[in-house]
Amino acid sequence: MIENMPTPKGKAIEDLRGAFEHRATWFYFLIEEARKQGLSLDFARKAIFNCGCFHGEGKFPQTEDLKEFTAAFANENVKEIFEMDVNVTDDELTIEFHYCPLVAAWKKLTDDEELIAELCDIAMEGDRGIASKYDAFEFYLGETIAKGNKVCQVSFKKVQK
């Protein structure tokens, strides 16, 4: 075996990161074109939120069990792509992302830190949309890599009834 060759699993993760970067790149150019045309970026927030709702209804299990939700939301590939630390109890899912392929792509396109933070927040509308489809969970966004932090912090907490 040749040294420093990526493993098949490593190659697959790098390919998936590349796919995320590609999507982040076209997202960047879509937003830039909208800004040039003087459009409010509310359209992007709404569209990405609606995409999250679509996935929340069809891609993820309809459950009140955070552990069951976590298995789908933070599967093994996703954990590797984003270098996630995932902790889940019956009452809370907390995730720290140590890498973000979207931010990596945006940093190749611009050094405008405010724009990168805004793009990230717009992208997070997808997770907000997913969470909106679960009456039993509340979504929280903490620090983000896009705002210059070392990690992104996301949590879902069980709603106390």
N, C-alpha and C. Protein backbone atom coordinates (compact mmCIF):
# COMPACT_ATOMS: atom_id res chain seq x y z
N MET A 1 0.84 -1.19 0.00
CA MET A 1 0.00 0.00 0.00
C MET A 1 0.88 1.25 0.00
N ILE A 2 0.53 2.21 -0.80
CA ILE A 2 1.28 3.45 -0.90
C ILE A 2 0.98 4.32 0.31
N GLU A 3 2.03 4.85 0.92
CA GLU A 3 1.84 5.72 2.10
C GLU A 3 1.07 6.97 1.71
N ASN A 4 0.32 7.51 2.67
CA ASN A 4 -0.44 8.77 2.52
C ASN A 4 -1.57 8.70 1.51
N MET A 5 -1.90 7.52 1.05
CA MET A 5 -3.06 7.39 0.17
C MET A 5 -4.31 7.37 1.04
N PRO A 6 -5.33 8.11 0.66
CA PRO A 6 -6.55 8.08 1.48
C PRO A 6 -7.19 6.70 1.44
N THR A 7 -7.76 6.33 2.57
CA THR A 7 -8.50 5.08 2.62
C THR A 7 -9.77 5.26 1.80
N PRO A 8 -10.41 4.15 1.39
CA PRO A 8 -11.69 4.32 0.67
C PRO A 8 -12.68 5.16 1.46
N LYS A 9 -12.74 4.95 2.79
CA LYS A 9 -13.66 5.74 3.62
C LYS A 9 -13.22 7.20 3.62
N GLY A 10 -11.92 7.45 3.75
CA GLY A 10 -11.40 8.82 3.74
C GLY A 10 -11.67 9.51 2.41
N LYS A 11 -11.51 8.78 1.32
CA LYS A 11 -11.79 9.34 -0.01
C LYS A 11 -13.27 9.68 -0.13
N ALA A 12 -14.12 8.80 0.36
CA ALA A 12 -15.57 9.06 0.30
C ALA A 12 -15.93 10.32 1.09
N ILE A 13 -15.32 10.50 2.27
CA ILE A 13 -15.60 11.68 3.08
C ILE A 13 -15.10 12.93 2.37
N GLU A 14 -13.91 12.87 1.78
CA GLU A 14 -13.39 14.02 1.03
C GLU A 14 -14.29 14.35 -0.16
N ASP A 15 -14.81 13.32 -0.84
CA ASP A 15 -15.74 13.54 -1.95
C ASP A 15 -17.02 14.21 -1.45
N LEU A 16 -17.53 13.75 -0.31
CA LEU A 16 -18.74 14.35 0.26
C LEU A 16 -18.49 15.79 0.68
N ARG A 17 -17.32 16.06 1.28
CA ARG A 17 -16.97 17.44 1.62
C ARG A 17 -16.93 18.29 0.36
N GLY A 18 -16.37 17.74 -0.71
CA GLY A 18 -16.33 18.46 -1.98
C GLY A 18 -17.73 18.79 -2.49
N ALA A 19 -18.65 17.86 -2.31
CA ALA A 19 -20.04 18.10 -2.74
C ALA A 19 -20.65 19.23 -1.92
N PHE A 20 -20.39 19.23 -0.60
CA PHE A 20 -20.88 20.32 0.24
C PHE A 20 -20.26 21.65 -0.19
N GLU A 21 -18.97 21.64 -0.47
CA GLU A 21 -18.31 22.88 -0.91
C GLU A 21 -18.90 23.37 -2.23
N HIS A 22 -19.19 22.43 -3.13
CA HIS A 22 -19.79 22.81 -4.41
C HIS A 22 -21.14 23.50 -4.20
N ARG A 23 -21.96 22.93 -3.33
CA ARG A 23 -23.26 23.54 -3.04
C ARG A 23 -23.10 24.91 -2.38
N ALA A 24 -22.12 25.02 -1.49
CA ALA A 24 -21.87 26.30 -0.84
C ALA A 24 -21.40 27.34 -1.85
N THR A 25 -20.66 26.89 -2.85
CA THR A 25 -20.18 27.82 -3.88
C THR A 25 -21.33 28.35 -4.71
N TRP A 26 -22.23 27.48 -5.17
CA TRP A 26 -23.34 28.02 -5.95
C TRP A 26 -24.28 28.83 -5.08
N PHE A 27 -24.39 28.47 -3.80
CA PHE A 27 -25.19 29.28 -2.87
C PHE A 27 -24.60 30.68 -2.77
N TYR A 28 -23.28 30.78 -2.65
CA TYR A 28 -22.59 32.08 -2.58
C TYR A 28 -22.90 32.92 -3.82
N PHE A 29 -22.76 32.32 -5.01
CA PHE A 29 -23.00 33.08 -6.24
C PHE A 29 -24.47 33.45 -6.40
N LEU A 30 -25.37 32.63 -5.95
CA LEU A 30 -26.80 32.95 -5.97
C LEU A 30 -27.06 34.17 -5.08
N ILE A 31 -26.50 34.17 -3.89
CA ILE A 31 -26.69 35.29 -2.96
C ILE A 31 -26.04 36.55 -3.51
N GLU A 32 -24.85 36.43 -4.06
CA GLU A 32 -24.17 37.60 -4.63
C GLU A 32 -24.99 38.21 -5.77
N GLU A 33 -25.56 37.38 -6.63
CA GLU A 33 -26.38 37.89 -7.73
C GLU A 33 -27.64 38.57 -7.20
N ALA A 34 -28.25 37.99 -6.19
CA ALA A 34 -29.43 38.61 -5.58
C ALA A 34 -29.08 39.98 -5.00
N ARG A 35 -27.94 40.06 -4.32
CA ARG A 35 -27.50 41.34 -3.75
C ARG A 35 -27.26 42.38 -4.85
N LYS A 36 -26.64 41.96 -5.96
CA LYS A 36 -26.39 42.88 -7.09
C LYS A 36 -27.70 43.42 -7.64
N GLN A 37 -28.74 42.61 -7.59
CA GLN A 37 -30.04 43.02 -8.12
C GLN A 37 -30.87 43.75 -7.06
N GLY A 38 -30.28 43.96 -5.89
CA GLY A 38 -30.96 44.72 -4.86
C GLY A 38 -32.04 43.94 -4.12
N LEU A 39 -32.00 42.62 -4.21
CA LEU A 39 -33.03 41.82 -3.56
C LEU A 39 -32.72 41.65 -2.07
N SER A 40 -33.76 41.60 -1.28
CA SER A 40 -33.62 41.23 0.12
C SER A 40 -33.27 39.75 0.18
N LEU A 41 -32.44 39.39 1.12
CA LEU A 41 -32.07 37.98 1.23
C LEU A 41 -33.10 37.16 2.00
N ASP A 42 -34.23 37.78 2.32
CA ASP A 42 -35.31 37.04 2.98
C ASP A 42 -35.77 35.86 2.14
N PHE A 43 -35.70 36.00 0.80
CA PHE A 43 -36.12 34.90 -0.07
C PHE A 43 -35.28 33.65 0.21
N ALA A 44 -33.98 33.85 0.42
CA ALA A 44 -33.08 32.71 0.66
C ALA A 44 -33.39 32.06 2.01
N ARG A 45 -33.59 32.90 3.02
CA ARG A 45 -33.93 32.35 4.34
C ARG A 45 -35.19 31.49 4.25
N LYS A 46 -36.21 32.03 3.60
CA LYS A 46 -37.48 31.32 3.50
C LYS A 46 -37.32 30.02 2.70
N ALA A 47 -36.60 30.10 1.58
CA ALA A 47 -36.43 28.92 0.74
C ALA A 47 -35.67 27.82 1.49
N ILE A 48 -34.61 28.19 2.18
CA ILE A 48 -33.82 27.18 2.88
C ILE A 48 -34.58 26.65 4.10
N PHE A 49 -35.33 27.51 4.77
CA PHE A 49 -36.19 27.04 5.86
C PHE A 49 -37.18 26.02 5.32
N ASN A 50 -37.81 26.33 4.17
CA ASN A 50 -38.78 25.41 3.57
C ASN A 50 -38.12 24.09 3.18
N CYS A 51 -36.87 24.14 2.70
CA CYS A 51 -36.14 22.91 2.40
C CYS A 51 -35.94 22.09 3.67
N GLY A 52 -35.60 22.76 4.77
CA GLY A 52 -35.47 22.07 6.05
C GLY A 52 -36.77 21.43 6.47
N CYS A 53 -37.88 22.14 6.27
CA CYS A 53 -39.20 21.58 6.60
C CYS A 53 -39.46 20.33 5.78
N PHE A 54 -39.14 20.40 4.50
CA PHE A 54 -39.31 19.25 3.60
C PHE A 54 -38.54 18.05 4.13
N HIS A 55 -37.29 18.26 4.53
CA HIS A 55 -36.48 17.16 5.05
C HIS A 55 -36.98 16.72 6.43
N GLY A 56 -37.42 17.66 7.23
CA GLY A 56 -37.94 17.32 8.55
C GLY A 56 -39.16 16.43 8.47
N GLU A 57 -39.92 16.59 7.41
CA GLU A 57 -41.13 15.77 7.23
C GLU A 57 -40.85 14.44 6.55
N GLY A 58 -39.80 14.37 5.73
CA GLY A 58 -39.62 13.16 4.93
C GLY A 58 -38.31 12.42 5.09
N LYS A 59 -37.26 13.10 5.49
CA LYS A 59 -35.95 12.47 5.56
C LYS A 59 -35.65 11.90 6.95
N PHE A 60 -36.21 12.51 7.95
CA PHE A 60 -35.91 12.13 9.33
C PHE A 60 -37.12 11.46 9.97
N PRO A 61 -36.86 10.57 10.93
CA PRO A 61 -37.98 9.84 11.55
C PRO A 61 -38.88 10.79 12.35
N GLN A 62 -40.16 10.54 12.25
CA GLN A 62 -41.12 11.30 13.05
C GLN A 62 -41.16 10.66 14.43
N THR A 63 -40.50 11.32 15.37
CA THR A 63 -40.30 10.72 16.69
C THR A 63 -40.20 11.82 17.74
N GLU A 64 -40.42 11.44 18.97
CA GLU A 64 -40.15 12.34 20.09
C GLU A 64 -38.91 11.88 20.84
N ASP A 65 -38.23 10.87 20.30
CA ASP A 65 -37.04 10.29 20.91
C ASP A 65 -35.80 10.93 20.29
N LEU A 66 -35.08 11.70 21.09
CA LEU A 66 -33.89 12.39 20.58
C LEU A 66 -32.81 11.42 20.10
N LYS A 67 -32.70 10.27 20.72
CA LYS A 67 -31.69 9.31 20.30
C LYS A 67 -32.02 8.76 18.91
N GLU A 68 -33.28 8.50 18.65
CA GLU A 68 -33.69 8.03 17.33
C GLU A 68 -33.46 9.13 16.28
N PHE A 69 -33.81 10.36 16.62
CA PHE A 69 -33.59 11.49 15.72
C PHE A 69 -32.09 11.65 15.44
N THR A 70 -31.27 11.56 16.47
CA THR A 70 -29.83 11.75 16.34
C THR A 70 -29.22 10.76 15.36
N ALA A 71 -29.67 9.51 15.41
CA ALA A 71 -29.12 8.48 14.53
C ALA A 71 -29.27 8.87 13.06
N ALA A 72 -30.34 9.56 12.73
CA ALA A 72 -30.57 9.99 11.35
C ALA A 72 -29.92 11.35 11.07
N PHE A 73 -30.01 12.27 12.00
CA PHE A 73 -29.51 13.64 11.80
C PHE A 73 -27.98 13.69 11.78
N ALA A 74 -27.36 12.92 12.64
CA ALA A 74 -25.90 12.92 12.76
C ALA A 74 -25.39 11.50 12.51
N ASN A 75 -25.62 11.01 11.29
CA ASN A 75 -25.15 9.67 10.96
C ASN A 75 -23.62 9.67 10.84
N GLU A 76 -23.05 8.51 10.66
CA GLU A 76 -21.58 8.39 10.69
C GLU A 76 -20.89 9.24 9.63
N ASN A 77 -21.41 9.27 8.41
CA ASN A 77 -20.78 10.11 7.37
C ASN A 77 -20.86 11.59 7.74
N VAL A 78 -22.00 12.05 8.19
CA VAL A 78 -22.16 13.45 8.56
C VAL A 78 -21.21 13.80 9.71
N LYS A 79 -21.09 12.90 10.67
CA LYS A 79 -20.17 13.15 11.78
C LYS A 79 -18.74 13.31 11.28
N GLU A 80 -18.34 12.50 10.31
CA GLU A 80 -16.98 12.61 9.78
C GLU A 80 -16.80 13.84 8.91
N ILE A 81 -17.78 14.15 8.08
CA ILE A 81 -17.67 15.32 7.19
C ILE A 81 -17.46 16.59 8.00
N PHE A 82 -18.23 16.75 9.06
CA PHE A 82 -18.20 17.97 9.87
C PHE A 82 -17.33 17.84 11.13
N GLU A 83 -16.66 16.69 11.27
CA GLU A 83 -15.84 16.43 12.45
C GLU A 83 -16.62 16.76 13.73
N MET A 84 -17.75 16.09 13.87
CA MET A 84 -18.68 16.36 14.96
C MET A 84 -18.37 15.57 16.23
N ASP A 85 -18.54 16.24 17.34
CA ASP A 85 -18.64 15.58 18.64
C ASP A 85 -20.12 15.60 18.98
N VAL A 86 -20.71 14.43 19.15
CA VAL A 86 -22.14 14.31 19.37
C VAL A 86 -22.39 13.70 20.75
N ASN A 87 -23.22 14.36 21.52
CA ASN A 87 -23.64 13.84 22.82
C ASN A 87 -25.16 13.91 22.87
N VAL A 88 -25.76 12.79 23.22
CA VAL A 88 -27.22 12.77 23.28
C VAL A 88 -27.67 12.05 24.54
N THR A 89 -28.66 12.65 25.17
CA THR A 89 -29.35 12.03 26.31
C THR A 89 -30.82 11.98 25.94
N ASP A 90 -31.63 11.54 26.88
CA ASP A 90 -33.07 11.53 26.62
C ASP A 90 -33.63 12.94 26.46
N ASP A 91 -32.94 13.94 27.01
CA ASP A 91 -33.46 15.31 27.03
C ASP A 91 -32.74 16.30 26.14
N GLU A 92 -31.52 15.94 25.66
CA GLU A 92 -30.78 16.93 24.88
C GLU A 92 -29.78 16.27 23.93
N LEU A 93 -29.72 16.83 22.74
CA LEU A 93 -28.70 16.49 21.75
C LEU A 93 -27.80 17.71 21.62
N THR A 94 -26.51 17.54 21.86
CA THR A 94 -25.57 18.64 21.65
C THR A 94 -24.52 18.17 20.65
N ILE A 95 -24.21 19.07 19.73
CA ILE A 95 -23.23 18.76 18.69
C ILE A 95 -22.25 19.92 18.60
N GLU A 96 -20.97 19.58 18.55
CA GLU A 96 -19.94 20.56 18.22
C GLU A 96 -19.33 20.14 16.89
N PHE A 97 -19.34 21.06 15.95
CA PHE A 97 -18.75 20.86 14.64
C PHE A 97 -17.35 21.47 14.68
N HIS A 98 -16.35 20.69 14.33
CA HIS A 98 -14.98 21.21 14.33
C HIS A 98 -14.53 21.61 12.93
N TYR A 99 -15.34 21.32 11.93
CA TYR A 99 -15.02 21.65 10.54
C TYR A 99 -16.32 21.92 9.81
N CYS A 100 -16.30 22.87 8.89
CA CYS A 100 -17.48 23.15 8.08
C CYS A 100 -17.06 23.32 6.62
N PRO A 101 -17.45 22.40 5.75
CA PRO A 101 -17.09 22.53 4.34
C PRO A 101 -17.73 23.75 3.67
N LEU A 102 -18.87 24.21 4.19
CA LEU A 102 -19.48 25.40 3.62
C LEU A 102 -18.60 26.62 3.89
N VAL A 103 -18.19 26.79 5.14
CA VAL A 103 -17.32 27.91 5.49
C VAL A 103 -16.00 27.80 4.73
N ALA A 104 -15.48 26.58 4.60
CA ALA A 104 -14.23 26.39 3.84
C ALA A 104 -14.40 26.90 2.41
N ALA A 105 -15.53 26.61 1.80
CA ALA A 105 -15.79 27.07 0.43
C ALA A 105 -15.92 28.59 0.38
N TRP A 106 -16.67 29.16 1.32
CA TRP A 106 -16.88 30.61 1.29
C TRP A 106 -15.58 31.37 1.51
N LYS A 107 -14.69 30.81 2.33
CA LYS A 107 -13.39 31.47 2.56
C LYS A 107 -12.51 31.46 1.32
N LYS A 108 -12.78 30.54 0.39
CA LYS A 108 -12.05 30.52 -0.88
C LYS A 108 -12.58 31.60 -1.82
N LEU A 109 -13.78 32.08 -1.55
CA LEU A 109 -14.45 33.04 -2.43
C LEU A 109 -14.39 34.47 -1.94
N THR A 110 -14.28 34.66 -0.63
CA THR A 110 -14.31 36.01 -0.07
C THR A 110 -13.60 36.04 1.28
N ASP A 111 -13.12 37.21 1.63
CA ASP A 111 -12.58 37.39 2.98
C ASP A 111 -13.51 38.27 3.81
N ASP A 112 -14.72 38.49 3.32
CA ASP A 112 -15.73 39.29 4.00
C ASP A 112 -16.34 38.45 5.12
N GLU A 113 -15.84 38.66 6.33
CA GLU A 113 -16.27 37.85 7.48
C GLU A 113 -17.75 38.04 7.80
N GLU A 114 -18.27 39.25 7.62
CA GLU A 114 -19.69 39.49 7.88
C GLU A 114 -20.56 38.73 6.89
N LEU A 115 -20.14 38.70 5.63
CA LEU A 115 -20.89 37.97 4.61
C LEU A 115 -20.86 36.47 4.92
N ILE A 116 -19.71 35.94 5.28
CA ILE A 116 -19.61 34.52 5.61
C ILE A 116 -20.53 34.19 6.78
N ALA A 117 -20.54 35.03 7.79
CA ALA A 117 -21.43 34.80 8.94
C ALA A 117 -22.90 34.84 8.51
N GLU A 118 -23.24 35.77 7.62
CA GLU A 118 -24.62 35.86 7.13
C GLU A 118 -24.98 34.63 6.29
N LEU A 119 -24.07 34.19 5.43
CA LEU A 119 -24.33 33.00 4.63
C LEU A 119 -24.56 31.79 5.54
N CYS A 120 -23.75 31.68 6.57
CA CYS A 120 -23.91 30.59 7.53
C CYS A 120 -25.27 30.64 8.20
N ASP A 121 -25.65 31.82 8.66
CA ASP A 121 -26.94 31.93 9.35
C ASP A 121 -28.09 31.60 8.41
N ILE A 122 -27.98 32.02 7.16
CA ILE A 122 -29.01 31.67 6.18
C ILE A 122 -29.04 30.15 6.00
N ALA A 123 -27.86 29.53 5.88
CA ALA A 123 -27.80 28.07 5.71
C ALA A 123 -28.40 27.35 6.91
N MET A 124 -28.24 27.92 8.10
CA MET A 124 -28.79 27.30 9.31
C MET A 124 -30.31 27.30 9.31
N GLU A 125 -30.93 28.06 8.42
CA GLU A 125 -32.39 28.02 8.31
C GLU A 125 -32.86 26.60 7.97
N GLY A 126 -32.00 25.82 7.30
CA GLY A 126 -32.36 24.44 7.02
C GLY A 126 -32.56 23.64 8.30
N ASP A 127 -31.62 23.78 9.23
CA ASP A 127 -31.77 23.08 10.52
C ASP A 127 -32.94 23.63 11.31
N ARG A 128 -33.16 24.93 11.22
CA ARG A 128 -34.32 25.52 11.90
C ARG A 128 -35.61 24.96 11.32
N GLY A 129 -35.63 24.77 10.00
CA GLY A 129 -36.81 24.19 9.36
C GLY A 129 -37.03 22.75 9.79
N ILE A 130 -35.95 21.97 9.84
CA ILE A 130 -36.06 20.59 10.32
C ILE A 130 -36.66 20.59 11.72
N ALA A 131 -36.07 21.40 12.61
CA ALA A 131 -36.52 21.43 14.01
C ALA A 131 -37.98 21.86 14.13
N SER A 132 -38.43 22.71 13.22
CA SER A 132 -39.81 23.20 13.31
C SER A 132 -40.83 22.08 13.11
N LYS A 133 -40.40 20.97 12.56
CA LYS A 133 -41.30 19.84 12.32
C LYS A 133 -41.38 18.89 13.51
N TYR A 134 -40.71 19.24 14.60
CA TYR A 134 -40.70 18.42 15.80
C TYR A 134 -41.22 19.23 16.98
N ASP A 135 -42.46 19.00 17.33
CA ASP A 135 -43.05 19.71 18.46
C ASP A 135 -42.35 19.37 19.77
N ALA A 136 -41.68 18.22 19.82
CA ALA A 136 -41.05 17.78 21.07
C ALA A 136 -39.65 18.36 21.28
N PHE A 137 -39.10 19.04 20.24
CA PHE A 137 -37.72 19.56 20.34
C PHE A 137 -37.68 21.07 20.13
N GLU A 138 -36.70 21.69 20.76
CA GLU A 138 -36.38 23.09 20.49
C GLU A 138 -34.95 23.13 19.97
N PHE A 139 -34.70 23.99 18.99
CA PHE A 139 -33.38 24.10 18.36
C PHE A 139 -32.65 25.31 18.90
N TYR A 140 -31.35 25.14 19.15
CA TYR A 140 -30.51 26.24 19.62
C TYR A 140 -29.22 26.26 18.81
N LEU A 141 -28.83 27.43 18.40
CA LEU A 141 -27.56 27.64 17.72
C LEU A 141 -26.68 28.48 18.61
N GLY A 142 -25.50 27.97 18.91
CA GLY A 142 -24.54 28.71 19.74
C GLY A 142 -23.49 29.35 18.87
N GLU A 143 -22.24 29.15 19.24
CA GLU A 143 -21.12 29.70 18.49
C GLU A 143 -21.08 29.07 17.09
N THR A 144 -20.45 29.80 16.15
CA THR A 144 -20.28 29.24 14.81
C THR A 144 -18.85 29.49 14.32
N ILE A 145 -18.39 28.57 13.51
CA ILE A 145 -17.09 28.71 12.85
C ILE A 145 -17.11 29.94 11.96
N ALA A 146 -18.25 30.19 11.32
CA ALA A 146 -18.38 31.33 10.41
C ALA A 146 -18.16 32.67 11.10
N LYS A 147 -18.41 32.71 12.40
CA LYS A 147 -18.19 33.95 13.16
C LYS A 147 -16.81 33.96 13.82
N GLY A 148 -15.94 33.05 13.39
CA GLY A 148 -14.57 33.04 13.89
C GLY A 148 -14.32 32.17 15.10
N ASN A 149 -15.33 31.42 15.54
CA ASN A 149 -15.15 30.53 16.68
C ASN A 149 -14.49 29.23 16.22
N LYS A 150 -13.96 28.48 17.17
CA LYS A 150 -13.30 27.21 16.84
C LYS A 150 -14.29 26.13 16.46
N VAL A 151 -15.53 26.23 16.93
CA VAL A 151 -16.55 25.21 16.68
C VAL A 151 -17.89 25.88 16.40
N CYS A 152 -18.78 25.08 15.82
CA CYS A 152 -20.19 25.43 15.74
C CYS A 152 -20.89 24.60 16.80
N GLN A 153 -21.82 25.22 17.50
CA GLN A 153 -22.57 24.52 18.54
C GLN A 153 -24.04 24.51 18.16
N VAL A 154 -24.56 23.31 18.08
CA VAL A 154 -25.98 23.10 17.77
C VAL A 154 -26.55 22.19 18.84
N SER A 155 -27.75 22.51 19.27
CA SER A 155 -28.41 21.60 20.20
C SER A 155 -29.90 21.54 19.94
N PHE A 156 -30.44 20.40 20.26
CA PHE A 156 -31.88 20.16 20.26
C PHE A 156 -32.22 19.75 21.68
N LYS A 157 -33.18 20.45 22.26
CA LYS A 157 -33.59 20.11 23.63
C LYS A 157 -35.03 19.65 23.62
N LYS A 158 -35.29 18.66 24.41
CA LYS A 158 -36.64 18.14 24.56
C LYS A 158 -37.50 19.19 25.24
N VAL A 159 -38.65 19.46 24.68
CA VAL A 159 -39.59 20.41 25.25
C VAL A 159 -40.20 19.77 26.49
N GLN A 160 -40.14 20.49 27.58
CA GLN A 160 -40.71 19.99 28.83
C GLN A 160 -42.20 20.27 28.81
N LYS A 161 -42.99 19.21 28.92
CA LYS A 161 -44.46 19.36 28.86
C LYS A 161 -45.05 19.37 30.23
